[in-house]
Amino acid sequence: MLKKKNRLTSNSSFKATYSKNKVASDEFFVVYYGDKKQDYNFDTKFGFVVSKKNDKRATVRNKIKRRLRESVFLYLKEKNLPYKSVIFISKDKSKDLDFSQTLKSVYKLLDKIANKII
């Protein structure tokens, strides 16, 4: 499970990340991400957004978020991201994914944004 120190919690953190206008996407998720860290003592933080437009049922939306959090947790065990904040936004197709497909998509997107800046 993704630790609390690795989660975006405040509304201002989400707004600051959105304002950077750095975006990567695939057919299932859109990723907004912040700048390269100036100080490596801070942890990379992640936020997850699943709209009611994806599915009206909270259980389905929460399942998507749980899968995303677990995928990011597994990615962070293997690699380190030098960014301040990352926000995953799900698209409509994401509710039909199983965990292995979600994991593959998250790895692809995080590798893509890691290679853009470094």
N, C-alpha and C. Protein backbone atom coordinates (compact mmCIF):
# COMPACT_ATOMS: atom_id res chain seq x y z
N MET A 1 0.84 -1.18 0.00
CA MET A 1 0.00 0.00 0.00
C MET A 1 0.88 1.24 0.00
N LEU A 2 0.47 2.23 -0.73
CA LEU A 2 1.20 3.48 -0.84
C LEU A 2 1.15 4.22 0.49
N LYS A 3 2.31 4.64 0.98
CA LYS A 3 2.39 5.27 2.29
C LYS A 3 1.79 6.67 2.26
N LYS A 4 1.37 7.13 3.42
CA LYS A 4 0.75 8.45 3.55
C LYS A 4 1.71 9.56 3.13
N LYS A 5 3.00 9.39 3.39
CA LYS A 5 3.97 10.43 3.04
C LYS A 5 4.12 10.57 1.52
N ASN A 6 3.64 9.60 0.76
CA ASN A 6 3.72 9.64 -0.70
C ASN A 6 2.41 10.05 -1.35
N ARG A 7 1.47 10.62 -0.59
CA ARG A 7 0.18 11.00 -1.15
C ARG A 7 -0.01 12.51 -1.13
N LEU A 8 -0.57 13.03 -2.20
CA LEU A 8 -1.00 14.43 -2.23
C LEU A 8 -2.30 14.51 -1.44
N THR A 9 -2.36 15.41 -0.49
CA THR A 9 -3.56 15.47 0.34
C THR A 9 -4.30 16.79 0.24
N SER A 10 -3.61 17.88 0.03
CA SER A 10 -4.28 19.18 0.06
C SER A 10 -4.72 19.62 -1.34
N ASN A 11 -5.77 20.41 -1.36
CA ASN A 11 -6.29 20.95 -2.60
C ASN A 11 -5.26 21.85 -3.28
N SER A 12 -4.49 22.58 -2.49
CA SER A 12 -3.47 23.47 -3.07
C SER A 12 -2.36 22.69 -3.76
N SER A 13 -2.05 21.51 -3.26
CA SER A 13 -1.05 20.66 -3.91
C SER A 13 -1.53 20.18 -5.27
N PHE A 14 -2.80 19.82 -5.35
CA PHE A 14 -3.37 19.41 -6.63
C PHE A 14 -3.37 20.57 -7.61
N LYS A 15 -3.78 21.75 -7.16
CA LYS A 15 -3.81 22.92 -8.04
C LYS A 15 -2.42 23.29 -8.54
N ALA A 16 -1.43 23.20 -7.66
CA ALA A 16 -0.06 23.53 -8.06
C ALA A 16 0.45 22.56 -9.12
N THR A 17 0.12 21.29 -8.99
CA THR A 17 0.54 20.30 -9.97
C THR A 17 -0.16 20.50 -11.30
N TYR A 18 -1.47 20.79 -11.25
CA TYR A 18 -2.21 21.06 -12.49
C TYR A 18 -1.66 22.28 -13.21
N SER A 19 -1.22 23.28 -12.46
CA SER A 19 -0.77 24.53 -13.08
C SER A 19 0.55 24.39 -13.83
N LYS A 20 1.28 23.32 -13.58
CA LYS A 20 2.56 23.10 -14.28
C LYS A 20 2.36 22.75 -15.75
N ASN A 21 1.19 22.25 -16.10
CA ASN A 21 0.83 21.89 -17.48
C ASN A 21 1.79 20.89 -18.12
N LYS A 22 2.32 19.99 -17.34
CA LYS A 22 3.13 18.90 -17.87
C LYS A 22 2.26 17.65 -17.83
N VAL A 23 2.03 17.07 -19.00
CA VAL A 23 1.04 15.99 -19.12
C VAL A 23 1.61 14.83 -19.93
N ALA A 24 1.29 13.63 -19.49
CA ALA A 24 1.55 12.41 -20.27
C ALA A 24 0.26 11.60 -20.21
N SER A 25 -0.01 10.82 -21.25
CA SER A 25 -1.26 10.04 -21.22
C SER A 25 -1.15 8.80 -22.09
N ASP A 26 -2.05 7.89 -21.84
CA ASP A 26 -2.26 6.75 -22.71
C ASP A 26 -3.78 6.58 -22.84
N GLU A 27 -4.23 5.43 -23.29
CA GLU A 27 -5.66 5.27 -23.52
C GLU A 27 -6.48 5.10 -22.24
N PHE A 28 -5.82 4.87 -21.09
CA PHE A 28 -6.54 4.63 -19.85
C PHE A 28 -6.39 5.73 -18.81
N PHE A 29 -5.24 6.42 -18.79
CA PHE A 29 -4.97 7.41 -17.75
C PHE A 29 -4.31 8.66 -18.34
N VAL A 30 -4.52 9.78 -17.66
CA VAL A 30 -3.81 11.03 -17.93
C VAL A 30 -2.99 11.32 -16.69
N VAL A 31 -1.73 11.73 -16.87
CA VAL A 31 -0.85 12.00 -15.75
C VAL A 31 -0.37 13.44 -15.82
N TYR A 32 -0.65 14.21 -14.77
CA TYR A 32 -0.07 15.54 -14.60
C TYR A 32 1.09 15.37 -13.63
N TYR A 33 2.21 16.06 -13.90
CA TYR A 33 3.34 15.93 -12.99
C TYR A 33 4.03 17.26 -12.80
N GLY A 34 4.71 17.38 -11.65
CA GLY A 34 5.38 18.62 -11.27
C GLY A 34 6.82 18.65 -11.73
N ASP A 35 7.55 19.59 -11.18
CA ASP A 35 8.93 19.84 -11.57
C ASP A 35 9.89 18.80 -11.01
N LYS A 36 11.11 18.89 -11.50
CA LYS A 36 12.19 18.10 -10.95
C LYS A 36 12.50 18.63 -9.55
N LYS A 37 12.80 17.77 -8.62
CA LYS A 37 13.07 18.20 -7.26
C LYS A 37 14.36 18.99 -7.18
N GLN A 38 14.35 20.03 -6.39
CA GLN A 38 15.57 20.78 -6.10
C GLN A 38 16.29 20.15 -4.91
N ASP A 39 15.53 19.65 -3.96
CA ASP A 39 16.06 19.05 -2.76
C ASP A 39 15.59 17.60 -2.70
N TYR A 40 16.50 16.66 -2.68
CA TYR A 40 16.12 15.24 -2.73
C TYR A 40 15.69 14.68 -1.37
N ASN A 41 15.54 15.53 -0.36
CA ASN A 41 15.05 15.05 0.93
C ASN A 41 13.54 14.88 0.95
N PHE A 42 12.84 15.45 -0.03
CA PHE A 42 11.40 15.34 -0.09
C PHE A 42 10.99 14.08 -0.85
N ASP A 43 9.85 13.53 -0.47
CA ASP A 43 9.34 12.33 -1.13
C ASP A 43 8.49 12.70 -2.33
N THR A 44 8.47 11.81 -3.30
CA THR A 44 7.57 11.95 -4.44
C THR A 44 6.15 11.74 -3.95
N LYS A 45 5.23 12.60 -4.38
CA LYS A 45 3.84 12.51 -3.92
C LYS A 45 2.91 12.25 -5.10
N PHE A 46 1.88 11.44 -4.83
CA PHE A 46 0.94 11.03 -5.86
C PHE A 46 -0.49 11.35 -5.44
N GLY A 47 -1.29 11.73 -6.43
CA GLY A 47 -2.72 11.93 -6.23
C GLY A 47 -3.47 11.12 -7.27
N PHE A 48 -4.69 10.72 -6.93
CA PHE A 48 -5.49 9.89 -7.82
C PHE A 48 -6.89 10.47 -7.93
N VAL A 49 -7.36 10.63 -9.17
CA VAL A 49 -8.67 11.21 -9.41
C VAL A 49 -9.47 10.27 -10.31
N VAL A 50 -10.64 9.87 -9.82
CA VAL A 50 -11.56 9.06 -10.62
C VAL A 50 -12.91 9.76 -10.55
N SER A 51 -13.38 10.24 -11.66
CA SER A 51 -14.60 11.03 -11.73
C SER A 51 -15.85 10.16 -11.67
N LYS A 52 -16.95 10.78 -11.27
CA LYS A 52 -18.24 10.09 -11.30
C LYS A 52 -18.68 9.81 -12.73
N LYS A 53 -18.09 10.50 -13.69
CA LYS A 53 -18.41 10.22 -15.08
C LYS A 53 -17.91 8.83 -15.50
N ASN A 54 -16.84 8.35 -14.84
CA ASN A 54 -16.35 7.01 -15.13
C ASN A 54 -17.35 5.95 -14.70
N ASP A 55 -17.85 6.09 -13.48
CA ASP A 55 -18.85 5.17 -12.96
C ASP A 55 -19.53 5.84 -11.78
N LYS A 56 -20.82 5.69 -11.68
CA LYS A 56 -21.58 6.31 -10.59
C LYS A 56 -21.32 5.64 -9.25
N ARG A 57 -20.95 4.37 -9.29
CA ARG A 57 -20.79 3.61 -8.06
C ARG A 57 -19.44 3.88 -7.40
N ALA A 58 -19.46 4.22 -6.13
CA ALA A 58 -18.24 4.52 -5.39
C ALA A 58 -17.33 3.29 -5.29
N THR A 59 -17.91 2.12 -5.23
CA THR A 59 -17.09 0.92 -5.11
C THR A 59 -16.19 0.72 -6.33
N VAL A 60 -16.72 1.03 -7.51
CA VAL A 60 -15.93 0.90 -8.74
C VAL A 60 -14.83 1.96 -8.77
N ARG A 61 -15.18 3.19 -8.41
CA ARG A 61 -14.18 4.26 -8.40
C ARG A 61 -13.07 3.97 -7.39
N ASN A 62 -13.45 3.47 -6.22
CA ASN A 62 -12.45 3.14 -5.21
C ASN A 62 -11.56 1.98 -5.64
N LYS A 63 -12.12 1.03 -6.36
CA LYS A 63 -11.33 -0.10 -6.85
C LYS A 63 -10.26 0.38 -7.83
N ILE A 64 -10.62 1.32 -8.70
CA ILE A 64 -9.64 1.88 -9.63
C ILE A 64 -8.53 2.58 -8.86
N LYS A 65 -8.89 3.37 -7.84
CA LYS A 65 -7.88 4.07 -7.05
C LYS A 65 -6.98 3.10 -6.28
N ARG A 66 -7.56 2.05 -5.73
CA ARG A 66 -6.75 1.06 -5.01
C ARG A 66 -5.74 0.40 -5.94
N ARG A 67 -6.18 0.06 -7.15
CA ARG A 67 -5.27 -0.55 -8.11
C ARG A 67 -4.16 0.41 -8.52
N LEU A 68 -4.51 1.67 -8.71
CA LEU A 68 -3.50 2.67 -9.05
C LEU A 68 -2.49 2.84 -7.92
N ARG A 69 -2.98 2.94 -6.69
CA ARG A 69 -2.06 3.10 -5.55
C ARG A 69 -1.11 1.91 -5.43
N GLU A 70 -1.64 0.71 -5.59
CA GLU A 70 -0.79 -0.48 -5.49
C GLU A 70 0.22 -0.53 -6.63
N SER A 71 -0.18 -0.14 -7.82
CA SER A 71 0.74 -0.12 -8.97
C SER A 71 1.87 0.88 -8.75
N VAL A 72 1.53 2.05 -8.24
CA VAL A 72 2.55 3.06 -7.95
C VAL A 72 3.48 2.57 -6.84
N PHE A 73 2.92 1.92 -5.82
CA PHE A 73 3.73 1.38 -4.74
C PHE A 73 4.75 0.37 -5.27
N LEU A 74 4.32 -0.52 -6.14
CA LEU A 74 5.23 -1.52 -6.72
C LEU A 74 6.29 -0.85 -7.60
N TYR A 75 5.89 0.20 -8.31
CA TYR A 75 6.86 0.94 -9.15
C TYR A 75 7.92 1.60 -8.26
N LEU A 76 7.50 2.22 -7.16
CA LEU A 76 8.45 2.91 -6.28
C LEU A 76 9.39 1.93 -5.56
N LYS A 77 8.97 0.69 -5.38
CA LYS A 77 9.86 -0.31 -4.79
C LYS A 77 11.03 -0.59 -5.71
N GLU A 78 10.80 -0.51 -7.02
CA GLU A 78 11.84 -0.82 -8.00
C GLU A 78 12.66 0.40 -8.39
N LYS A 79 12.00 1.55 -8.56
CA LYS A 79 12.65 2.73 -9.11
C LYS A 79 12.32 3.95 -8.26
N ASN A 80 13.07 5.03 -8.49
CA ASN A 80 12.82 6.27 -7.77
C ASN A 80 12.50 7.37 -8.76
N LEU A 81 11.49 8.17 -8.48
CA LEU A 81 11.13 9.29 -9.35
C LEU A 81 11.60 10.60 -8.73
N PRO A 82 12.31 11.43 -9.47
CA PRO A 82 12.78 12.70 -8.92
C PRO A 82 11.79 13.84 -9.11
N TYR A 83 10.52 13.64 -8.83
CA TYR A 83 9.52 14.68 -9.03
C TYR A 83 8.82 15.03 -7.73
N LYS A 84 8.28 16.21 -7.67
CA LYS A 84 7.55 16.65 -6.49
C LYS A 84 6.17 16.02 -6.39
N SER A 85 5.43 16.03 -7.50
CA SER A 85 4.06 15.53 -7.43
C SER A 85 3.60 14.97 -8.77
N VAL A 86 2.75 13.95 -8.67
CA VAL A 86 2.20 13.28 -9.85
C VAL A 86 0.72 13.02 -9.57
N ILE A 87 -0.14 13.35 -10.55
CA ILE A 87 -1.58 13.09 -10.40
C ILE A 87 -2.05 12.20 -11.54
N PHE A 88 -2.68 11.09 -11.18
CA PHE A 88 -3.28 10.18 -12.15
C PHE A 88 -4.77 10.49 -12.26
N ILE A 89 -5.25 10.68 -13.48
CA ILE A 89 -6.67 10.88 -13.73
C ILE A 89 -7.13 9.74 -14.64
N SER A 90 -8.17 9.04 -14.22
CA SER A 90 -8.61 7.89 -15.00
C SER A 90 -9.55 8.32 -16.12
N LYS A 91 -9.51 7.58 -17.20
CA LYS A 91 -10.43 7.76 -18.31
C LYS A 91 -11.51 6.68 -18.22
N ASP A 92 -12.52 6.78 -19.08
CA ASP A 92 -13.65 5.84 -19.03
C ASP A 92 -13.23 4.38 -19.19
N LYS A 93 -12.26 4.12 -20.04
CA LYS A 93 -11.84 2.74 -20.31
C LYS A 93 -11.18 2.07 -19.11
N SER A 94 -10.72 2.86 -18.14
CA SER A 94 -9.95 2.30 -17.03
C SER A 94 -10.77 1.39 -16.12
N LYS A 95 -12.09 1.52 -16.12
CA LYS A 95 -12.89 0.67 -15.23
C LYS A 95 -12.94 -0.78 -15.70
N ASP A 96 -12.59 -1.03 -16.95
CA ASP A 96 -12.60 -2.39 -17.49
C ASP A 96 -11.26 -3.11 -17.35
N LEU A 97 -10.26 -2.43 -16.79
CA LEU A 97 -8.93 -3.02 -16.67
C LEU A 97 -8.84 -3.98 -15.50
N ASP A 98 -8.04 -5.02 -15.66
CA ASP A 98 -7.69 -5.83 -14.50
C ASP A 98 -6.36 -5.29 -13.94
N PHE A 99 -5.89 -5.88 -12.85
CA PHE A 99 -4.73 -5.32 -12.17
C PHE A 99 -3.47 -5.36 -13.03
N SER A 100 -3.26 -6.43 -13.77
CA SER A 100 -2.04 -6.53 -14.58
C SER A 100 -2.01 -5.47 -15.68
N GLN A 101 -3.15 -5.17 -16.26
CA GLN A 101 -3.21 -4.13 -17.28
C GLN A 101 -2.98 -2.75 -16.67
N THR A 102 -3.54 -2.53 -15.48
CA THR A 102 -3.32 -1.26 -14.78
C THR A 102 -1.85 -1.10 -14.44
N LEU A 103 -1.23 -2.16 -13.95
CA LEU A 103 0.19 -2.12 -13.62
C LEU A 103 1.03 -1.80 -14.84
N LYS A 104 0.75 -2.42 -15.95
CA LYS A 104 1.48 -2.19 -17.20
C LYS A 104 1.34 -0.73 -17.65
N SER A 105 0.14 -0.19 -17.58
CA SER A 105 -0.12 1.18 -17.99
C SER A 105 0.59 2.18 -17.08
N VAL A 106 0.55 1.94 -15.77
CA VAL A 106 1.22 2.84 -14.81
C VAL A 106 2.72 2.82 -15.02
N TYR A 107 3.30 1.65 -15.19
CA TYR A 107 4.74 1.56 -15.43
C TYR A 107 5.13 2.32 -16.70
N LYS A 108 4.33 2.15 -17.76
CA LYS A 108 4.63 2.81 -19.02
C LYS A 108 4.58 4.33 -18.85
N LEU A 109 3.57 4.84 -18.17
CA LEU A 109 3.43 6.29 -18.00
C LEU A 109 4.51 6.86 -17.09
N LEU A 110 4.81 6.17 -15.99
CA LEU A 110 5.85 6.68 -15.09
C LEU A 110 7.23 6.63 -15.74
N ASP A 111 7.49 5.60 -16.53
CA ASP A 111 8.76 5.57 -17.27
C ASP A 111 8.82 6.69 -18.29
N LYS A 112 7.69 6.98 -18.91
CA LYS A 112 7.63 8.04 -19.91
C LYS A 112 7.95 9.41 -19.28
N ILE A 113 7.35 9.71 -18.13
CA ILE A 113 7.62 11.02 -17.53
C ILE A 113 9.00 11.08 -16.88
N ALA A 114 9.52 9.94 -16.45
CA ALA A 114 10.88 9.92 -15.89
C ALA A 114 11.91 10.21 -16.98
N ASN A 115 11.67 9.72 -18.19
CA ASN A 115 12.60 9.93 -19.29
C ASN A 115 12.47 11.30 -19.93
N LYS A 116 11.34 11.98 -19.76
CA LYS A 116 11.15 13.30 -20.35
C LYS A 116 12.03 14.36 -19.70
N ILE A 117 12.16 14.29 -18.39
CA ILE A 117 12.84 15.36 -17.66
C ILE A 117 14.28 15.04 -17.35
N ILE A 118 14.57 13.81 -17.03
CA ILE A 118 15.93 13.45 -16.58
C ILE A 118 16.94 13.62 -17.69
